[in-house]
Amino acid sequence: MTDKPATATITPVNGRVHVIFDDAEIASSLNALRLERAGRAPQVFVPLDDVHPGILEASHVVREDEGPGKAHFYTIKTLTADGLDEAWYYPYAEGDYAPIRDLLTFGQDRIRIEVSEV
């Protein structure tokens, strides 16, 4: 018997999602999705078009993530701080993960996600 990876639950986020990096808003979206997987913290994904322009720099880092596949990273660059590989996306996500294909998620200690009512 083989163990299948746990399935993903992806749902729309109700409200406007604000992505805060180092106390500055870097993204604002009404089209965010929440990914939930057993044993992992939920992740919020936003379309690239909802990220403030000019702050993402493509990284050479690519990591395999069981489930959605290869994660491609960005470094966040603002006037006050840089966040090395603190944003990423899954360009080849399929199956349960297909809804998050090409959407960005963010991580590390300086990232905060807030949701406001619309």
Protein backbone atom coordinates (compact mmCIF):
# COMPACT_ATOMS: atom_id res chain seq x y z
CA MET A 1 0.00 0.00 0.00
CA THR A 2 1.41 3.40 -0.95
CA ASP A 3 0.72 6.59 0.89
CA LYS A 4 -0.82 9.27 -1.31
CA PRO A 5 -0.03 12.87 -0.44
CA ALA A 6 -2.86 14.54 1.44
CA THR A 7 -5.23 16.38 -0.82
CA ALA A 8 -5.36 20.12 -0.87
CA THR A 9 -8.33 22.28 -0.03
CA ILE A 10 -8.32 25.57 -1.92
CA THR A 11 -10.99 28.16 -1.19
CA PRO A 12 -11.51 31.84 -2.05
CA VAL A 13 -10.68 34.30 0.71
CA ASN A 14 -13.68 36.45 1.65
CA GLY A 15 -12.64 40.11 1.71
CA ARG A 16 -9.55 41.99 0.60
CA VAL A 17 -6.20 40.38 1.34
CA HIS A 18 -3.33 42.70 2.24
CA VAL A 19 0.22 41.32 2.10
CA ILE A 20 2.48 43.28 4.43
CA PHE A 21 6.27 43.02 4.14
CA ASP A 22 8.43 44.80 6.70
CA ASP A 23 5.42 46.97 7.71
CA ALA A 24 4.63 48.07 4.12
CA GLU A 25 1.78 46.77 1.97
CA ILE A 26 3.18 45.01 -1.11
CA ALA A 27 -0.02 43.41 -2.43
CA SER A 28 -3.76 43.91 -2.17
CA SER A 29 -6.22 41.45 -3.68
CA LEU A 30 -9.91 40.65 -3.91
CA ASN A 31 -9.01 37.43 -5.77
CA ALA A 32 -6.93 35.60 -3.17
CA LEU A 33 -7.11 31.87 -2.55
CA ARG A 34 -6.33 29.96 0.65
CA LEU A 35 -4.51 26.61 0.42
CA GLU A 36 -4.94 24.23 3.34
CA ARG A 37 -3.06 20.94 3.70
CA ALA A 38 -2.87 18.56 6.64
CA GLY A 39 0.13 19.23 8.85
CA ARG A 40 0.97 22.60 7.27
CA ALA A 41 0.06 26.19 7.99
CA PRO A 42 -2.50 27.62 5.54
CA GLN A 43 -1.06 29.68 2.68
CA VAL A 44 -2.68 32.61 0.90
CA PHE A 45 -2.10 33.10 -2.83
CA VAL A 46 -2.67 36.27 -4.86
CA PRO A 47 -2.47 37.04 -8.59
CA LEU A 48 0.77 38.67 -9.75
CA ASP A 49 -1.26 41.62 -11.04
CA ASP A 50 -2.29 42.38 -7.43
CA VAL A 51 1.34 42.80 -6.26
CA HIS A 52 2.69 46.34 -6.36
CA PRO A 53 4.83 46.73 -9.50
CA GLY A 54 8.60 46.78 -9.42
CA ILE A 55 9.19 45.02 -6.10
CA LEU A 56 9.74 41.43 -7.24
CA GLU A 57 13.03 40.22 -8.66
CA ALA A 58 13.18 36.70 -10.08
CA SER A 59 15.44 34.36 -8.12
CA HIS A 60 17.32 31.36 -9.46
CA VAL A 61 15.97 29.23 -6.60
CA VAL A 62 13.61 26.38 -7.50
CA ARG A 63 12.44 23.84 -4.90
CA GLU A 64 10.26 20.77 -5.16
CA ASP A 65 7.15 20.80 -2.96
CA GLU A 66 5.22 17.57 -2.60
CA GLY A 67 1.80 18.30 -4.02
CA PRO A 68 1.97 21.47 -6.10
CA GLY A 69 5.38 20.62 -7.60
CA LYS A 70 8.23 22.99 -8.37
CA ALA A 71 8.20 26.32 -6.59
CA HIS A 72 9.93 29.23 -8.35
CA PHE A 73 11.03 32.08 -6.11
CA TYR A 74 11.20 35.86 -6.12
CA THR A 75 13.16 38.24 -3.92
CA ILE A 76 11.12 41.14 -2.57
CA LYS A 77 12.89 44.49 -3.00
CA THR A 78 11.46 47.66 -1.48
CA LEU A 79 13.02 51.02 -0.68
CA THR A 80 13.61 49.94 2.92
CA ALA A 81 14.29 46.18 2.82
CA ASP A 82 15.01 43.09 0.74
CA GLY A 83 13.36 39.72 1.33
CA LEU A 84 15.47 36.99 -0.24
CA ASP A 85 13.22 34.28 -1.73
CA GLU A 86 10.20 35.37 0.33
CA ALA A 87 7.70 35.07 -2.54
CA TRP A 88 7.08 32.06 -4.76
CA TYR A 89 4.68 30.45 -7.19
CA TYR A 90 3.98 27.04 -8.74
CA PRO A 91 3.95 27.33 -12.55
CA TYR A 92 3.16 23.64 -13.10
CA ALA A 93 0.61 22.97 -10.33
CA GLU A 94 -2.07 20.54 -11.45
CA GLY A 95 -4.82 18.32 -10.07
CA ASP A 96 -5.99 19.50 -6.64
CA TYR A 97 -3.42 22.31 -6.86
CA ALA A 98 -4.35 23.66 -10.31
CA PRO A 99 -6.24 26.72 -8.93
CA ILE A 100 -3.01 28.14 -7.44
CA ARG A 101 -0.96 27.74 -10.63
CA ASP A 102 0.98 30.97 -11.25
CA LEU A 103 -0.45 32.70 -8.15
CA LEU A 104 2.04 34.09 -5.62
CA THR A 105 2.39 33.18 -1.98
CA PHE A 106 4.66 34.72 0.60
CA GLY A 107 6.55 33.54 3.65
CA GLN A 108 9.12 34.25 6.36
CA ASP A 109 9.02 36.34 9.52
CA ARG A 110 8.60 39.78 7.92
CA ILE A 111 5.44 38.81 6.01
CA ARG A 112 2.02 39.43 7.51
CA ILE A 113 -1.31 38.63 5.86
CA GLU A 114 -4.36 40.70 6.82
CA VAL A 115 -7.92 40.42 5.53
CA SER A 116 -10.32 43.36 5.55
CA GLU A 117 -14.02 43.43 4.75
CA VAL A 118 -15.03 44.86 1.42
